C-alpha atoms as a PDB file:
ATOM      1  CA  MET A   1      14.943   1.210  -3.978  1.00  0.00           C
ATOM      2  CA  ASP A   2      13.145   1.904  -6.836  1.00  0.00           C
ATOM      3  CA  ARG A   3      11.329   5.421  -6.084  1.00  0.00           C
ATOM      4  CA  ALA A   4       9.097   5.401  -9.346  1.00  0.00           C
ATOM      5  CA  LEU A   5       7.805   2.144  -8.567  1.00  0.00           C
ATOM      6  CA  ALA A   6       7.791   2.468  -5.590  1.00  0.00           C
ATOM      7  CA  GLN A   7       5.432   5.464  -5.837  1.00  0.00           C
ATOM      8  CA  TYR A   8       3.863   3.862  -8.741  1.00  0.00           C
ATOM      9  CA  GLN A   9      -0.056   4.668  -9.402  1.00  0.00           C
ATOM     10  CA  ARG A  10      -1.853   4.818 -12.873  1.00  0.00           C
ATOM     11  CA  SER A  11      -2.643   7.973 -13.414  1.00  0.00           C
ATOM     12  CA  GLU A  12      -5.996   6.800 -15.057  1.00  0.00           C
ATOM     13  CA  GLY A  13      -8.034   3.421 -15.709  1.00  0.00           C
ATOM     14  CA  VAL A  14      -9.125   0.938 -13.118  1.00  0.00           C
ATOM     15  CA  LEU A  15      -5.663  -1.768 -13.038  1.00  0.00           C
ATOM     16  CA  GLY A  16      -3.258  -0.106 -11.786  1.00  0.00           C
ATOM     17  CA  ALA A  17      -4.658   2.847 -10.164  1.00  0.00           C
ATOM     18  CA  HIS A  18      -4.220   1.461  -7.631  1.00  0.00           C
ATOM     19  CA  ALA A  19      -0.771  -0.560  -6.366  1.00  0.00           C
ATOM     20  CA  HIS A  20       1.091  -1.539  -3.267  1.00  0.00           C
ATOM     21  CA  TYR A  21       4.816  -1.750  -3.453  1.00  0.00           C
ATOM     22  CA  PHE A  22       6.704  -3.837  -1.304  1.00  0.00           C
ATOM     23  CA  LYS A  23      10.870  -4.326  -1.319  1.00  0.00           C
ATOM     24  CA  GLN A  24      10.251  -7.682  -0.211  1.00  0.00           C
ATOM     25  CA  ILE A  25       7.901 -10.211  -0.207  1.00  0.00           C
ATOM     26  CA  SER A  26       7.255 -13.583   0.054  1.00  0.00           C
ATOM     27  CA  SER A  27       5.198 -13.459  -2.937  1.00  0.00           C
ATOM     28  CA  THR A  28       2.924 -11.025  -4.753  1.00  0.00           C
ATOM     29  CA  ASN A  29       0.591 -13.474  -5.689  1.00  0.00           C
ATOM     30  CA  ASP A  30      -0.440 -14.835  -2.210  1.00  0.00           C
ATOM     31  CA  TRP A  31      -0.998 -11.092  -0.810  1.00  0.00           C
ATOM     32  CA  LEU A  32      -3.215 -10.163  -3.756  1.00  0.00           C
ATOM     33  CA  VAL A  33      -4.874 -13.492  -3.282  1.00  0.00           C
ATOM     34  CA  GLU A  34      -5.366 -12.968   0.219  1.00  0.00           C
ATOM     35  CA  GLN A  35      -6.390  -8.841  -0.483  1.00  0.00           C
ATOM     36  CA  GLY A  36      -9.310 -10.533  -3.144  1.00  0.00           C
ATOM     37  CA  GLY A  37     -10.838 -12.381  -0.476  1.00  0.00           C
ATOM     38  CA  GLN A  38     -11.446  -9.745   1.758  1.00  0.00           C
ATOM     39  CA  GLY A  39     -13.568  -7.771  -1.215  1.00  0.00           C
ATOM     40  CA  ALA A  40     -10.069  -5.490  -2.390  1.00  0.00           C
ATOM     41  CA  PRO A  41     -10.712  -3.667  -5.574  1.00  0.00           C
ATOM     42  CA  GLU A  42     -10.684  -4.974  -9.675  1.00  0.00           C
ATOM     43  CA  GLY A  43      -7.204  -3.250 -10.757  1.00  0.00           C
ATOM     44  CA  LEU A  44      -5.467  -3.998  -7.537  1.00  0.00           C
ATOM     45  CA  VAL A  45      -2.025  -4.326  -8.207  1.00  0.00           C
ATOM     46  CA  ALA A  46       0.899  -5.673  -6.318  1.00  0.00           C
ATOM     47  CA  LEU A  47       4.618  -4.919  -6.531  1.00  0.00           C
ATOM     48  CA  ALA A  48       7.864  -6.063  -5.045  1.00  0.00           C
ATOM     49  CA  GLU A  49      11.253  -5.700  -6.285  1.00  0.00           C
ATOM     50  CA  PHE A  50      12.318  -9.432  -4.071  1.00  0.00           C
ATOM     51  CA  GLN A  51       9.696 -12.100  -3.669  1.00  0.00           C
ATOM     52  CA  THR A  52      11.039 -14.626  -0.406  1.00  0.00           C
ATOM     53  CA  SER A  53       8.624 -18.039  -1.739  1.00  0.00           C
ATOM     54  CA  GLY A  54       7.782 -16.508  -5.899  1.00  0.00           C
ATOM     55  CA  ARG A  55       6.493 -18.971  -7.806  1.00  0.00           C
ATOM     56  CA  GLY A  56       5.642 -20.046 -10.809  1.00  0.00           C
ATOM     57  CA  ARG A  57       3.205 -22.504 -12.270  1.00  0.00           C
ATOM     58  CA  LEU A  58       4.091 -26.737 -12.119  1.00  0.00           C
ATOM     59  CA  GLY A  59       4.976 -25.515  -8.503  1.00  0.00           C
ATOM     60  CA  ARG A  60       8.303 -24.099  -9.585  1.00  0.00           C
ATOM     61  CA  ARG A  61       9.732 -21.568  -7.621  1.00  0.00           C
ATOM     62  CA  TRP A  62      10.785 -18.629  -9.716  1.00  0.00           C
ATOM     63  CA  GLU A  63      13.844 -16.010  -9.160  1.00  0.00           C
ATOM     64  CA  ALA A  64      14.761 -12.752  -9.740  1.00  0.00           C
ATOM     65  CA  PRO A  65      17.700 -10.563  -8.414  1.00  0.00           C
ATOM     66  CA  SER A  66      16.330  -8.470  -6.579  1.00  0.00           C
ATOM     67  CA  GLY A  67      15.437  -4.781  -8.297  1.00  0.00           C
ATOM     68  CA  THR A  68      16.090  -5.899 -11.435  1.00  0.00           C
ATOM     69  CA  CYS A  69      12.368  -7.221 -12.648  1.00  0.00           C
ATOM     70  CA  LEU A  70       9.637  -6.433 -12.924  1.00  0.00           C
ATOM     71  CA  LEU A  71       7.326  -8.649 -10.034  1.00  0.00           C
ATOM     72  CA  LEU A  72       3.825  -7.692  -9.884  1.00  0.00           C
ATOM     73  CA  SER A  73       0.385  -9.884  -9.645  1.00  0.00           C
ATOM     74  CA  LEU A  74      -2.957  -8.197 -10.912  1.00  0.00           C
ATOM     75  CA  LEU A  75      -6.578  -8.643  -9.104  1.00  0.00           C
ATOM     76  CA  PHE A  76      -9.640  -8.916 -11.691  1.00  0.00           C
ATOM     77  CA  ARG A  77     -13.051  -9.634 -11.104  1.00  0.00           C
ATOM     78  CA  PRO A  78     -14.084 -11.347 -14.284  1.00  0.00           C
ATOM     79  CA  PRO A  79     -17.658 -11.026 -15.085  1.00  0.00           C
ATOM     80  CA  ALA A  80     -20.396 -14.084 -15.284  1.00  0.00           C
ATOM     81  CA  PRO A  81     -19.455 -16.288 -16.435  1.00  0.00           C
ATOM     82  CA  PHE A  82     -16.895 -16.987 -15.037  1.00  0.00           C
ATOM     83  CA  GLU A  83     -15.635 -19.909 -16.429  1.00  0.00           C
ATOM     84  CA  TYR A  84     -15.337 -18.656 -19.872  1.00  0.00           C
ATOM     85  CA  VAL A  85     -13.449 -15.146 -19.352  1.00  0.00           C
ATOM     86  CA  ALA A  86     -10.977 -16.303 -16.736  1.00  0.00           C
ATOM     87  CA  PRO A  87      -8.822 -18.138 -19.648  1.00  0.00           C
ATOM     88  CA  ARG A  88      -9.514 -15.467 -21.575  1.00  0.00           C
ATOM     89  CA  LEU A  89      -8.185 -12.600 -19.373  1.00  0.00           C
ATOM     90  CA  THR A  90      -5.221 -14.513 -19.022  1.00  0.00           C
ATOM     91  CA  MET A  91      -5.118 -15.146 -22.884  1.00  0.00           C
ATOM     92  CA  VAL A  92      -5.473 -10.926 -22.262  1.00  0.00           C
ATOM     93  CA  CYS A  93      -2.330 -10.678 -19.915  1.00  0.00           C
ATOM     94  CA  GLY A  94      -0.253 -12.281 -22.147  1.00  0.00           C
ATOM     95  CA  ILE A  95      -1.509 -10.378 -25.152  1.00  0.00           C
ATOM     96  CA  ALA A  96      -0.935  -7.114 -23.603  1.00  0.00           C
ATOM     97  CA  LEU A  97       2.632  -8.549 -22.013  1.00  0.00           C
ATOM     98  CA  LEU A  98       4.063  -9.624 -25.082  1.00  0.00           C
ATOM     99  CA  ASP A  99       2.980  -6.226 -26.821  1.00  0.00           C
ATOM    100  CA  ALA A 100       4.202  -4.153 -24.111  1.00  0.00           C
ATOM    101  CA  VAL A 101       7.546  -6.096 -24.165  1.00  0.00           C
ATOM    102  CA  ALA A 102       8.304  -5.561 -27.908  1.00  0.00           C
ATOM    103  CA  GLY A 103       6.661  -2.070 -27.629  1.00  0.00           C
ATOM    104  CA  VAL A 104       9.424  -0.679 -25.390  1.00  0.00           C
ATOM    105  CA  ALA A 105      12.398  -3.046 -25.857  1.00  0.00           C
ATOM    106  CA  ALA A 106      11.936  -3.703 -29.566  1.00  0.00           C
ATOM    107  CA  VAL A 107      12.802  -7.617 -29.522  1.00  0.00           C
ATOM    108  CA  PRO A 108      11.354 -10.024 -31.201  1.00  0.00           C
ATOM    109  CA  LEU A 109       8.694 -12.337 -28.972  1.00  0.00           C
ATOM    110  CA  ALA A 110       6.323 -15.195 -29.104  1.00  0.00           C
ATOM    111  CA  LEU A 111       4.486 -17.154 -26.000  1.00  0.00           C
ATOM    112  CA  LYS A 112       5.343 -20.101 -25.645  1.00  0.00           C
ATOM    113  CA  TRP A 113       2.076 -22.473 -24.406  1.00  0.00           C
ATOM    114  CA  PRO A 114       0.365 -21.294 -21.854  1.00  0.00           C
ATOM    115  CA  ASN A 115       2.610 -17.700 -20.662  1.00  0.00           C
ATOM    116  CA  ASP A 116       5.674 -17.421 -21.068  1.00  0.00           C
ATOM    117  CA  LEU A 117       7.945 -14.955 -23.197  1.00  0.00           C
ATOM    118  CA  ILE A 118       9.966 -15.943 -24.920  1.00  0.00           C
ATOM    119  CA  VAL A 119      12.573 -14.919 -27.618  1.00  0.00           C
ATOM    120  CA  GLU A 120      14.340 -16.933 -30.778  1.00  0.00           C
ATOM    121  CA  PRO A 121      16.923 -14.500 -32.446  1.00  0.00           C
ATOM    122  CA  ASP A 122      18.418 -17.255 -33.415  1.00  0.00           C
ATOM    123  CA  GLY A 123      16.606 -20.199 -33.447  1.00  0.00           C
ATOM    124  CA  ALA A 124      16.904 -20.980 -29.746  1.00  0.00           C
ATOM    125  CA  TRP A 125      14.454 -20.291 -27.078  1.00  0.00           C
ATOM    126  CA  ARG A 126      14.816 -18.277 -24.249  1.00  0.00           C
ATOM    127  CA  LYS A 127      12.306 -16.618 -21.745  1.00  0.00           C
ATOM    128  CA  VAL A 128      12.071 -13.513 -20.451  1.00  0.00           C
ATOM    129  CA  ALA A 129       8.661 -13.374 -18.854  1.00  0.00           C
ATOM    130  CA  GLY A 130       6.346 -16.223 -17.464  1.00  0.00           C
ATOM    131  CA  MET A 131       2.671 -15.544 -15.923  1.00  0.00           C
ATOM    132  CA  LEU A 132       0.875 -17.567 -12.749  1.00  0.00           C
ATOM    133  CA  SER A 133      -3.051 -17.621 -13.305  1.00  0.00           C
ATOM    134  CA  GLU A 134      -4.736 -18.599  -9.493  1.00  0.00           C
ATOM    135  CA  VAL A 135      -8.355 -17.838  -9.429  1.00  0.00           C
ATOM    136  CA  GLY A 136      -9.511 -16.869  -5.328  1.00  0.00           C
ATOM    137  CA  MET A 137     -12.811 -18.701  -4.593  1.00  0.00           C
ATOM    138  CA  VAL A 138     -15.590 -17.469  -1.993  1.00  0.00           C
ATOM    139  CA  ALA A 139     -18.061 -19.475  -0.157  1.00  0.00           C
ATOM    140  CA  GLN A 140     -16.519 -22.530  -2.513  1.00  0.00           C
ATOM    141  CA  ARG A 141     -17.385 -20.585  -5.856  1.00  0.00           C
ATOM    142  CA  PRO A 142     -14.876 -18.465  -8.311  1.00  0.00           C
ATOM    143  CA  ASP A 143     -15.398 -15.234  -6.944  1.00  0.00           C
ATOM    144  CA  PHE A 144     -11.873 -13.107  -8.530  1.00  0.00           C
ATOM    145  CA  LEU A 145      -9.015 -14.323 -11.000  1.00  0.00           C
ATOM    146  CA  VAL A 146      -5.153 -12.972  -9.798  1.00  0.00           C
ATOM    147  CA  ILE A 147      -2.671 -12.659 -12.868  1.00  0.00           C
ATOM    148  CA  GLY A 148       1.110 -12.967 -11.440  1.00  0.00           C
ATOM    149  CA  ILE A 149       3.716 -11.246 -13.577  1.00  0.00           C
ATOM    150  CA  GLY A 150       7.335 -11.702 -13.339  1.00  0.00           C
ATOM    151  CA  VAL A 151       9.854 -10.048 -16.523  1.00  0.00           C
ATOM    152  CA  ASN A 152      13.308 -10.705 -16.579  1.00  0.00           C
ATOM    153  CA  VAL A 153      13.985  -6.966 -17.081  1.00  0.00           C
ATOM    154  CA  ASN A 154      17.815  -5.624 -15.824  1.00  0.00           C
ATOM    155  CA  VAL A 155      18.720  -8.472 -14.960  1.00  0.00           C
ATOM    156  CA  PRO A 156      22.952  -8.764 -15.829  1.00  0.00           C
ATOM    157  CA  ALA A 157      24.235 -11.969 -17.509  1.00  0.00           C
ATOM    158  CA  GLU A 158      25.980 -13.152 -15.139  1.00  0.00           C
ATOM    159  CA  ALA A 159      23.489 -13.423 -12.720  1.00  0.00           C
ATOM    160  CA  LEU A 160      21.047 -15.590 -15.314  1.00  0.00           C
ATOM    161  CA  THR A 161      22.755 -18.875 -14.152  1.00  0.00           C
ATOM    162  CA  GLY A 162      21.082 -19.095 -11.082  1.00  0.00           C
ATOM    163  CA  LEU A 163      17.910 -18.560 -12.880  1.00  0.00           C
ATOM    164  CA  ALA A 164      15.837 -21.372 -14.539  1.00  0.00           C
ATOM    165  CA  PRO A 165      17.019 -22.987 -17.594  1.00  0.00           C
ATOM    166  CA  ASN A 166      17.263 -21.423 -20.329  1.00  0.00           C
ATOM    167  CA  ALA A 167      16.550 -17.365 -19.064  1.00  0.00           C
ATOM    168  CA  SER A 168      17.688 -14.838 -20.334  1.00  0.00           C
ATOM    169  CA  SER A 169      16.659 -11.557 -19.728  1.00  0.00           C
ATOM    170  CA  LEU A 170      15.818  -8.110 -21.404  1.00  0.00           C
ATOM    171  CA  LEU A 171      19.244  -6.699 -20.486  1.00  0.00           C
ATOM    172  CA  VAL A 172      21.151  -9.051 -22.520  1.00  0.00           C
ATOM    173  CA  GLU A 173      18.282  -8.839 -25.515  1.00  0.00           C
ATOM    174  CA  THR A 174      18.661  -5.596 -25.979  1.00  0.00           C
ATOM    175  CA  GLY A 175      21.601  -4.921 -24.765  1.00  0.00           C
ATOM    176  CA  HIS A 176      21.154  -2.091 -22.329  1.00  0.00           C
ATOM    177  CA  THR A 177      18.728  -1.429 -19.486  1.00  0.00           C
ATOM    178  CA  ILE A 178      15.021  -1.018 -19.229  1.00  0.00           C
ATOM    179  CA  ASP A 179      12.761   1.786 -17.796  1.00  0.00           C
ATOM    180  CA  ARG A 180      10.431  -0.728 -15.435  1.00  0.00           C
ATOM    181  CA  VAL A 181       8.216   2.108 -14.752  1.00  0.00           C
ATOM    182  CA  ILE A 182       7.631   2.613 -18.286  1.00  0.00           C
ATOM    183  CA  LEU A 183       7.623  -1.353 -19.593  1.00  0.00           C
ATOM    184  CA  LEU A 184       4.760  -1.392 -16.490  1.00  0.00           C
ATOM    185  CA  ASP A 185       2.940   1.320 -17.834  1.00  0.00           C
ATOM    186  CA  SER A 186       2.539  -0.025 -20.945  1.00  0.00           C
ATOM    187  CA  PHE A 187       1.312  -3.110 -20.553  1.00  0.00           C
ATOM    188  CA  LEU A 188      -1.705  -2.109 -17.890  1.00  0.00           C
ATOM    189  CA  GLU A 189      -2.339   0.095 -20.556  1.00  0.00           C
ATOM    190  CA  ARG A 190      -2.277  -2.807 -23.017  1.00  0.00           C
ATOM    191  CA  ALA A 191      -4.277  -4.748 -20.706  1.00  0.00           C
ATOM    192  CA  GLU A 192      -6.741  -2.481 -19.721  1.00  0.00           C
ATOM    193  CA  ALA A 193      -7.756  -1.786 -23.074  1.00  0.00           C
ATOM    194  CA  LEU A 194      -7.862  -5.348 -24.298  1.00  0.00           C
ATOM    195  CA  TYR A 195      -9.827  -6.279 -21.322  1.00  0.00           C
ATOM    196  CA  GLN A 196     -12.359  -3.501 -21.978  1.00  0.00           C
ATOM    197  CA  GLN A 197     -13.058  -5.303 -25.347  1.00  0.00           C
ATOM    198  CA  LEU A 198     -13.621  -8.471 -23.762  1.00  0.00           C
ATOM    199  CA  ARG A 199     -16.319  -7.352 -21.488  1.00  0.00           C
ATOM    200  CA  ALA A 200     -17.869  -6.095 -24.558  1.00  0.00           C
ATOM    201  CA  GLY A 201     -17.867  -9.392 -26.216  1.00  0.00           C
ATOM    202  CA  TRP A 202     -14.493  -9.645 -27.949  1.00  0.00           C
ATOM    203  CA  ASP A 203     -12.941 -13.139 -28.123  1.00  0.00           C
ATOM    204  CA  PRO A 204      -8.806 -12.898 -27.919  1.00  0.00           C
ATOM    205  CA  ARG A 205      -8.247 -16.146 -28.393  1.00  0.00           C
ATOM    206  CA  ALA A 206      -7.559 -16.050 -32.031  1.00  0.00           C
ATOM    207  CA  ASP A 207      -5.281 -13.387 -31.249  1.00  0.00           C
ATOM    208  CA  TRP A 208      -3.684 -14.714 -28.581  1.00  0.00           C
ATOM    209  CA  ILE A 209      -3.173 -18.332 -31.142  1.00  0.00           C
ATOM    210  CA  ALA A 210      -1.270 -16.054 -33.758  1.00  0.00           C
ATOM    211  CA  ARG A 211       1.527 -14.845 -31.269  1.00  0.00           C
ATOM    212  CA  LEU A 212       1.836 -18.927 -29.699  1.00  0.00           C
ATOM    213  CA  ALA A 213       5.340 -20.127 -30.644  1.00  0.00           C
ATOM    214  CA  TRP A 214       5.579 -23.637 -32.448  1.00  0.00           C
ATOM    215  CA  MET A 215       2.146 -24.174 -33.605  1.00  0.00           C
ATOM    216  CA  GLY A 216       2.228 -27.020 -36.642  1.00  0.00           C
ATOM    217  CA  GLN A 217       5.509 -27.904 -35.820  1.00  0.00           C
ATOM    218  CA  SER A 218       6.909 -31.118 -33.063  1.00  0.00           C
ATOM    219  CA  VAL A 219       7.561 -29.946 -29.587  1.00  0.00           C
ATOM    220  CA  GLN A 220       7.562 -31.998 -26.226  1.00  0.00           C
ATOM    221  CA  VAL A 221       4.822 -31.670 -23.122  1.00  0.00           C
ATOM    222  CA  HIS A 222       5.986 -32.037 -19.981  1.00  0.00           C
ATOM    223  CA  THR A 223       3.103 -32.333 -17.806  1.00  0.00           C
ATOM    224  CA  PRO A 224       3.744 -33.708 -13.449  1.00  0.00           C
ATOM    225  CA  ASP A 225       3.695 -37.101 -14.738  1.00  0.00           C
ATOM    226  CA  GLU A 226       5.046 -37.443 -18.028  1.00  0.00           C
ATOM    227  CA  ILE A 227       6.692 -36.273 -21.322  1.00  0.00           C
ATOM    228  CA  ILE A 228       4.788 -36.573 -24.562  1.00  0.00           C
ATOM    229  CA  THR A 229       6.051 -35.991 -27.960  1.00  0.00           C
ATOM    230  CA  GLY A 230       3.371 -34.595 -30.679  1.00  0.00           C
ATOM    231  CA  MET A 231       2.745 -31.845 -32.733  1.00  0.00           C
ATOM    232  CA  ALA A 232       1.164 -29.010 -31.737  1.00  0.00           C
ATOM    233  CA  GLU A 233      -2.361 -28.286 -33.898  1.00  0.00           C
ATOM    234  CA  GLY A 234      -3.916 -25.643 -31.608  1.00  0.00           C
ATOM    235  CA  VAL A 235      -5.719 -24.950 -28.665  1.00  0.00           C
ATOM    236  CA  ASP A 236      -9.201 -25.744 -27.790  1.00  0.00           C
ATOM    237  CA  GLU A 237     -11.963 -22.990 -26.172  1.00  0.00           C
ATOM    238  CA  ALA A 238     -10.332 -22.604 -22.953  1.00  0.00           C
ATOM    239  CA  GLY A 239      -7.107 -22.838 -24.047  1.00  0.00           C
ATOM    240  CA  ALA A 240      -5.968 -26.410 -23.628  1.00  0.00           C
ATOM    241  CA  LEU A 241      -2.835 -27.494 -25.626  1.00  0.00           C
ATOM    242  CA  ILE A 242      -4.059 -29.588 -28.476  1.00  0.00           C
ATOM    243  CA  LEU A 243      -1.186 -32.372 -29.692  1.00  0.00           C
ATOM    244  CA  ARG A 244      -1.477 -34.585 -31.736  1.00  0.00           C
ATOM    245  CA  LEU A 245       0.549 -37.788 -31.264  1.00  0.00           C
ATOM    246  CA  PRO A 246       2.628 -40.185 -33.172  1.00  0.00           C
ATOM    247  CA  SER A 247      -0.032 -42.783 -33.406  1.00  0.00           C
ATOM    248  CA  SER A 248      -2.540 -39.849 -34.813  1.00  0.00           C
ATOM    249  CA  LEU A 249      -4.390 -39.920 -32.253  1.00  0.00           C
ATOM    250  CA  GLN A 250      -5.009 -36.196 -30.239  1.00  0.00           C
ATOM    251  CA  ARG A 251      -4.881 -34.979 -26.446  1.00  0.00           C
ATOM    252  CA  CYS A 252      -5.698 -32.441 -24.899  1.00  0.00           C
ATOM    253  CA  PHE A 253      -3.299 -30.584 -22.052  1.00  0.00           C
ATOM    254  CA  ALA A 254      -5.259 -27.831 -19.912  1.00  0.00           C
ATOM    255  CA  VAL A 255      -1.611 -27.710 -17.872  1.00  0.00           C
ATOM    256  CA  GLY A 256       1.950 -28.104 -18.948  1.00  0.00           C
ATOM    257  CA  ASP A 257       4.575 -26.321 -20.067  1.00  0.00           C
ATOM    258  CA  VAL A 258       5.919 -27.023 -24.114  1.00  0.00           C
ATOM    259  CA  THR A 259       9.785 -27.048 -23.533  1.00  0.00           C
ATOM    260  CA  LEU A 260      11.368 -27.592 -26.355  1.00  0.00           C
ATOM    261  CA  ARG A 261      11.015 -28.805 -29.877  1.00  0.00           C
ATOM    262  CA  ALA A 262      11.622 -32.310 -30.341  1.00  0.00           C
ATOM    263  CA  SER A 263      14.008 -33.984 -32.739  1.00  0.00           C
END
C-alpha cells in the first residue's frame, strides 16, 4: 500500500478536498456514480490501487497491475446548461492531465481523440493514459458527471504486454519512477484552475483541439459497428470528430476510437 496515496487529501481547493482510497475496488467510476446519486459533494475523488472491473471506453476493460498506476475518478456537478458544460469538463480534464503529466514526467504528449494520452517519440504512438466520462442521472435528468482516469505510471516494461495494445507507461518512457502523489496533486490543481475559468465563461475547446494528435491527417475511426478511413478535419462544438471521407463528404463521430493513421 502507498501510504501517501492512501492518506491523500488536497490541502486547498474543492477538487480532491475529500478523497476515498481503496486498496481494491471493482470500479472507482461505479462507486462515485453511486455516491453522486446519494448527494456526494462536487470534488469528491475515489482513488484505487487495483480495480477488478475497471473499464475504458466502448466497453473495454482497463487492466492495471496493482500499485503501479494512478487510478481515480472525480465527481463534478456542472452548472447549467449541463449539455454544454459537461463535454467541456471532459476537455478540461484532458488538458489538465496532459499538462500535469508533461510537467511531472517531462515527456512530449498529445491527446488522441477523444480522451487518450499518448506519446509519439519515434513516430509510433503509445498510450499512457485514458479517460472515461459518465453522466449521473437523477429523476431521469443529467445531474452530475464522473470522470475516471487511469495513468500507467510505474508499470514495468514486462507487464505492458498484458495490457492494451500500444500500451506504455511513464516509467518506460522516462526510465525512472514517478511519484504518483505529486502527479495527482499537479493534475487536480490544474483541473481546478481550468474548471474555474470554464465556470467564468472560458471555452476550452480551442486549447483542447490544439493538443489533439493527427488533426489534418489521414486516420481510421473505429466504432462499435464499422471502421472508417478519412481525414481528421477537426471537432464540432460538442467535441465530436469531423472526418472528411474519400468521397469528400463529412461525417461526425460523437463516439469511437482513432487508432492508427491510415497508410
